[in-house]
Amino acid sequence: MSREHGPVDQGRLLTALGIEGRLLAEAVHAAPIEAPVPACPGWSLGEVARHVGSLYRMVRRRLADGRGPDDWQRDPEPGQGLTGYLETGLTELLDELAAHDPEDHADTWWPADPTYGFWRRRMLHETLVHRVDVEQAAGAEPRGIDEDLAIDGIDEALTLWFGQKLPMLGLTGTKAGSVGVRAGAHSWIARAGPDVTEAWRCSAEEAEAADDVVTAGEPERIYLWLWGRSSLTSVTVRGVHDQAAQLWALLRLATR
């Protein structure tokens, strides 16, 4: 049986990972590595590049030969530079992902999706979000986010990070309630409180019935909002705003 990974086709995710990885490497090459990253307090642009490059290697080795988290190249080789470090790690990861059907079994941290497809999606959004970080740190003109990828990243932020990672960390909200999120033709509900943290796709009518409803003219704005790359007030919230603010704050804890 085919597993539904998300709103975007798996082939598109793999292609987009390659494109976003190259854009990230280009942005790093053109920017000062000591520039502070606004969305990652205490991190420089160079540290973001090392983080992504090391994740490429960690995931590839986890998939290819089950190596542990302490067994990969964390820094560029002498003379390699950060751009080369990113590009080499990306190429190796793309080769590993492309060599397997997205339905093939893989070691992941989400019990609902133990497949190679999980890592296609996860590493795309890891790369895309940090590409935005580098642009913000460098003061560069943002390249934007394709609408289908923004929709997919909204889905991942809600169903994986909010609905799965927060419970794994034992983190909950303080006030029970729900948030409807609407982006284009897609809608979700995120429910939080002392006893529950969950999110799911829903109809537009169900989303509109939530305590707070978050909308924006472009899915990209909601994507950046959920991933903490824009301010709490950068989207439109209809309702009392308490639940939307709690959702935004809880995602900061889940994705830090």
Protein backbone atom coordinates (compact mmCIF):
# COMPACT_ATOMS: atom_id res chain seq x y z
CA MET A 1 0.00 0.00 0.00
CA SER A 2 1.34 3.44 -0.93
CA ARG A 3 1.94 5.73 2.02
CA GLU A 4 0.73 9.34 1.85
CA HIS A 5 3.78 11.39 2.82
CA GLY A 6 2.31 14.83 2.22
CA PRO A 7 0.66 17.10 -0.34
CA VAL A 8 3.61 17.08 -2.81
CA ASP A 9 4.77 14.27 -5.09
CA GLN A 10 7.95 12.50 -3.97
CA GLY A 11 9.73 13.11 -7.26
CA ARG A 12 9.10 16.81 -6.92
CA LEU A 13 10.47 16.78 -3.36
CA LEU A 14 13.72 15.14 -4.46
CA THR A 15 14.16 17.57 -7.36
CA ALA A 16 13.41 20.51 -5.09
CA LEU A 17 15.96 19.30 -2.53
CA GLY A 18 18.65 19.43 -5.21
CA ILE A 19 17.61 22.92 -6.31
CA GLU A 20 17.34 24.31 -2.79
CA GLY A 21 20.65 22.77 -1.78
CA ARG A 22 22.41 24.49 -4.66
CA LEU A 23 20.70 27.80 -3.87
CA LEU A 24 21.82 27.46 -0.25
CA ALA A 25 25.42 26.80 -1.30
CA GLU A 26 25.36 29.80 -3.65
CA ALA A 27 23.95 32.04 -0.91
CA VAL A 28 26.63 30.88 1.55
CA HIS A 29 29.37 31.50 -1.02
CA ALA A 30 28.18 35.10 -1.54
CA ALA A 31 27.75 36.07 2.11
CA PRO A 32 30.04 36.85 5.07
CA ILE A 33 30.27 33.70 7.20
CA GLU A 34 30.39 35.67 10.46
CA ALA A 35 27.00 37.36 9.85
CA PRO A 36 24.51 36.64 12.68
CA VAL A 37 21.37 34.68 11.78
CA PRO A 38 18.24 36.46 13.12
CA ALA A 39 16.11 33.31 13.43
CA CYS A 40 18.87 31.28 15.14
CA PRO A 41 20.14 33.38 18.07
CA GLY A 42 23.82 32.79 18.76
CA TRP A 43 24.47 31.25 15.34
CA SER A 44 26.49 32.77 12.53
CA LEU A 45 25.89 32.16 8.85
CA GLY A 46 28.91 29.84 8.82
CA GLU A 47 27.48 27.77 11.68
CA VAL A 48 24.22 27.32 9.79
CA ALA A 49 26.18 26.08 6.77
CA ARG A 50 28.14 23.59 8.91
CA HIS A 51 24.90 22.42 10.53
CA VAL A 52 23.22 21.66 7.19
CA GLY A 53 26.35 20.08 5.70
CA SER A 54 26.72 17.80 8.69
CA LEU A 55 23.05 16.81 8.55
CA TYR A 56 23.43 15.79 4.90
CA ARG A 57 26.21 13.43 5.96
CA MET A 58 24.46 12.17 9.08
CA VAL A 59 21.26 11.28 7.22
CA ARG A 60 23.10 9.61 4.33
CA ARG A 61 25.13 7.43 6.67
CA ARG A 62 22.09 6.66 8.79
CA LEU A 63 20.32 5.44 5.65
CA ALA A 64 23.25 3.75 3.92
CA ASP A 65 25.02 1.91 6.70
CA GLY A 66 23.34 2.70 10.00
CA ARG A 67 26.21 4.73 11.41
CA GLY A 68 25.54 6.54 14.67
CA PRO A 69 25.24 10.30 15.19
CA ASP A 70 28.91 10.65 16.22
CA ASP A 71 30.28 9.07 13.05
CA TRP A 72 30.27 11.67 10.29
CA GLN A 73 32.34 14.56 8.99
CA ARG A 74 31.22 17.61 10.99
CA ASP A 75 33.50 20.18 9.33
CA PRO A 76 34.95 20.84 5.87
CA GLU A 77 38.14 19.09 4.89
CA PRO A 78 41.23 21.36 4.83
CA GLY A 79 40.89 23.66 1.83
CA GLN A 80 37.36 22.48 1.03
CA GLY A 81 35.43 25.52 2.25
CA LEU A 82 31.81 25.69 3.35
CA THR A 83 30.40 25.80 -0.16
CA GLY A 84 32.23 22.64 -1.16
CA TYR A 85 31.25 21.00 2.13
CA LEU A 86 27.57 21.69 1.40
CA GLU A 87 27.75 20.63 -2.24
CA THR A 88 29.57 17.36 -1.54
CA GLY A 89 27.23 16.41 1.28
CA LEU A 90 24.17 17.27 -0.82
CA THR A 91 25.35 15.19 -3.79
CA GLU A 92 25.97 12.14 -1.60
CA LEU A 93 22.57 12.48 0.06
CA LEU A 94 20.75 12.94 -3.25
CA ASP A 95 22.43 9.83 -4.65
CA GLU A 96 21.37 7.78 -1.63
CA LEU A 97 17.77 9.02 -1.73
CA ALA A 98 17.45 8.58 -5.50
CA ALA A 99 18.72 4.98 -5.29
CA HIS A 100 15.67 3.94 -3.26
CA ASP A 101 11.94 4.03 -3.82
CA PRO A 102 10.35 6.53 -1.40
CA GLU A 103 8.29 3.66 0.02
CA ASP A 104 11.40 1.67 0.98
CA HIS A 105 11.85 1.20 4.71
CA ALA A 106 14.23 3.58 6.45
CA ASP A 107 15.24 4.49 9.97
CA THR A 108 13.38 7.70 10.93
CA TRP A 109 12.20 9.40 14.11
CA TRP A 110 8.51 9.43 13.07
CA PRO A 111 6.78 6.08 13.70
CA ALA A 112 4.04 6.99 11.21
CA ASP A 113 6.52 7.20 8.32
CA PRO A 114 9.57 4.87 8.48
CA THR A 115 10.46 5.36 4.81
CA TYR A 116 12.97 7.01 2.49
CA GLY A 117 10.19 9.41 1.57
CA PHE A 118 10.31 10.86 5.07
CA TRP A 119 13.91 11.94 4.50
CA ARG A 120 13.23 13.40 1.05
CA ARG A 121 10.69 15.71 2.62
CA ARG A 122 12.53 16.38 5.88
CA MET A 123 15.80 17.33 4.23
CA LEU A 124 14.08 19.52 1.64
CA HIS A 125 12.52 21.68 4.34
CA GLU A 126 15.67 21.63 6.46
CA THR A 127 17.50 23.04 3.45
CA LEU A 128 14.80 25.50 2.42
CA VAL A 129 14.38 26.99 5.89
CA HIS A 130 18.13 27.46 6.28
CA ARG A 131 18.38 28.96 2.79
CA VAL A 132 15.96 31.60 4.09
CA ASP A 133 18.16 32.00 7.17
CA VAL A 134 21.24 32.68 5.07
CA GLU A 135 19.38 35.22 2.92
CA GLN A 136 18.13 37.02 6.02
CA ALA A 137 21.57 36.99 7.62
CA ALA A 138 23.19 38.37 4.45
CA GLY A 139 20.47 40.97 3.85
CA ALA A 140 20.00 39.45 0.39
CA GLU A 141 16.90 39.72 -1.75
CA PRO A 142 14.72 36.68 -0.87
CA ARG A 143 14.27 34.20 -3.71
CA GLY A 144 10.82 33.22 -2.49
CA ILE A 145 9.28 29.79 -1.93
CA ASP A 146 7.24 27.92 -4.53
CA GLU A 147 3.60 27.62 -3.49
CA ASP A 148 3.47 23.82 -3.56
CA LEU A 149 6.58 23.57 -1.39
CA ALA A 150 5.19 26.14 1.04
CA ILE A 151 2.00 24.08 1.35
CA ASP A 152 4.05 20.94 1.99
CA GLY A 153 6.19 22.72 4.59
CA ILE A 154 3.10 24.00 6.39
CA ASP A 155 1.86 20.42 6.53
CA GLU A 156 5.18 19.15 7.89
CA ALA A 157 5.42 21.90 10.52
CA LEU A 158 1.95 21.06 11.82
CA THR A 159 1.69 17.28 11.49
CA LEU A 160 5.30 16.37 12.26
CA TRP A 161 6.82 19.07 14.46
CA PHE A 162 3.71 20.21 16.28
CA GLY A 163 1.79 16.94 16.30
CA GLN A 164 4.72 14.54 16.80
CA LYS A 165 7.87 16.29 18.05
CA LEU A 166 6.22 18.28 20.85
CA PRO A 167 4.71 15.14 22.46
CA MET A 168 8.10 13.41 22.08
CA LEU A 169 9.64 16.28 24.05
CA GLY A 170 6.87 16.21 26.66
CA LEU A 171 5.82 19.78 25.83
CA THR A 172 2.21 20.94 25.92
CA GLY A 173 0.21 24.12 25.80
CA THR A 174 -1.09 25.90 28.86
CA LYS A 175 -4.51 26.82 27.48
CA ALA A 176 -6.75 24.34 25.67
CA GLY A 177 -8.02 25.39 22.27
CA SER A 178 -7.59 25.07 18.53
CA VAL A 179 -6.16 26.95 15.57
CA GLY A 180 -7.42 26.63 12.01
CA VAL A 181 -4.71 27.24 9.41
CA ARG A 182 -5.76 28.04 5.84
CA ALA A 183 -3.34 28.31 2.93
CA GLY A 184 -4.68 28.28 -0.61
CA ALA A 185 -7.04 25.32 -0.99
CA HIS A 186 -5.54 23.51 2.03
CA SER A 187 -6.61 23.62 5.66
CA TRP A 188 -5.44 22.18 8.98
CA ILE A 189 -6.43 22.19 12.63
CA ALA A 190 -3.84 22.30 15.41
CA ARG A 191 -5.17 21.58 18.89
CA ALA A 192 -3.14 22.18 22.03
CA GLY A 193 -3.60 22.29 25.78
CA PRO A 194 -2.35 20.63 28.96
CA ASP A 195 -3.67 17.23 27.83
CA VAL A 196 -3.36 17.19 24.03
CA THR A 197 -1.06 18.29 21.22
CA GLU A 198 -2.20 17.21 17.75
CA ALA A 199 -2.73 18.47 14.23
CA TRP A 200 -4.43 17.15 11.13
CA ARG A 201 -5.61 18.12 7.66
CA CYS A 202 -9.23 19.17 7.49
CA SER A 203 -11.89 20.90 5.40
CA ALA A 204 -12.09 24.67 5.09
CA GLU A 205 -15.31 24.61 7.10
CA GLU A 206 -13.66 22.74 9.98
CA ALA A 207 -10.74 25.17 10.02
CA GLU A 208 -13.10 28.14 10.12
CA ALA A 209 -14.77 26.72 13.23
CA ALA A 210 -11.54 26.78 15.29
CA ASP A 211 -10.94 29.25 18.13
CA ASP A 212 -8.39 31.18 16.06
CA VAL A 213 -8.00 31.08 12.27
CA VAL A 214 -4.66 31.89 10.64
CA THR A 215 -4.65 32.99 7.00
CA ALA A 216 -2.37 34.87 4.59
CA GLY A 217 -2.53 35.98 1.00
CA GLU A 218 0.34 33.66 0.05
CA PRO A 219 1.17 30.22 1.54
CA GLU A 220 4.81 31.36 1.76
CA ARG A 221 3.87 33.82 4.52
CA ILE A 222 2.30 31.08 6.64
CA TYR A 223 5.27 28.80 5.98
CA LEU A 224 7.71 31.43 7.23
CA TRP A 225 5.45 32.21 10.19
CA LEU A 226 5.15 28.59 11.33
CA TRP A 227 8.90 28.05 10.97
CA GLY A 228 9.70 31.17 13.00
CA ARG A 229 11.22 33.06 10.06
CA SER A 230 8.74 35.92 10.35
CA SER A 231 7.15 37.73 13.26
CA LEU A 232 4.12 36.67 15.26
CA THR A 233 2.10 39.45 13.62
CA SER A 234 3.06 38.71 9.99
CA VAL A 235 -0.13 36.74 9.24
CA THR A 236 -3.82 37.48 9.67
CA VAL A 237 -5.42 35.96 12.76
CA ARG A 238 -9.17 35.93 13.26
CA GLY A 239 -10.30 35.23 16.83
CA VAL A 240 -8.87 36.05 20.25
CA HIS A 241 -5.25 35.44 19.07
CA ASP A 242 -4.30 33.46 22.21
CA GLN A 243 -4.29 30.08 20.50
CA ALA A 244 -2.41 31.34 17.45
CA ALA A 245 0.25 32.86 19.70
CA GLN A 246 0.51 29.58 21.63
CA LEU A 247 0.89 27.61 18.38
CA TRP A 248 3.68 29.92 17.22
CA ALA A 249 5.49 29.71 20.57
CA LEU A 250 5.19 25.91 20.80
CA LEU A 251 6.63 25.50 17.33
CA ARG A 252 9.63 27.60 18.37
CA LEU A 253 10.27 24.98 21.08
CA ALA A 254 9.71 22.03 18.72
CA THR A 255 11.98 23.26 15.94
CA ARG A 256 14.84 24.89 17.88
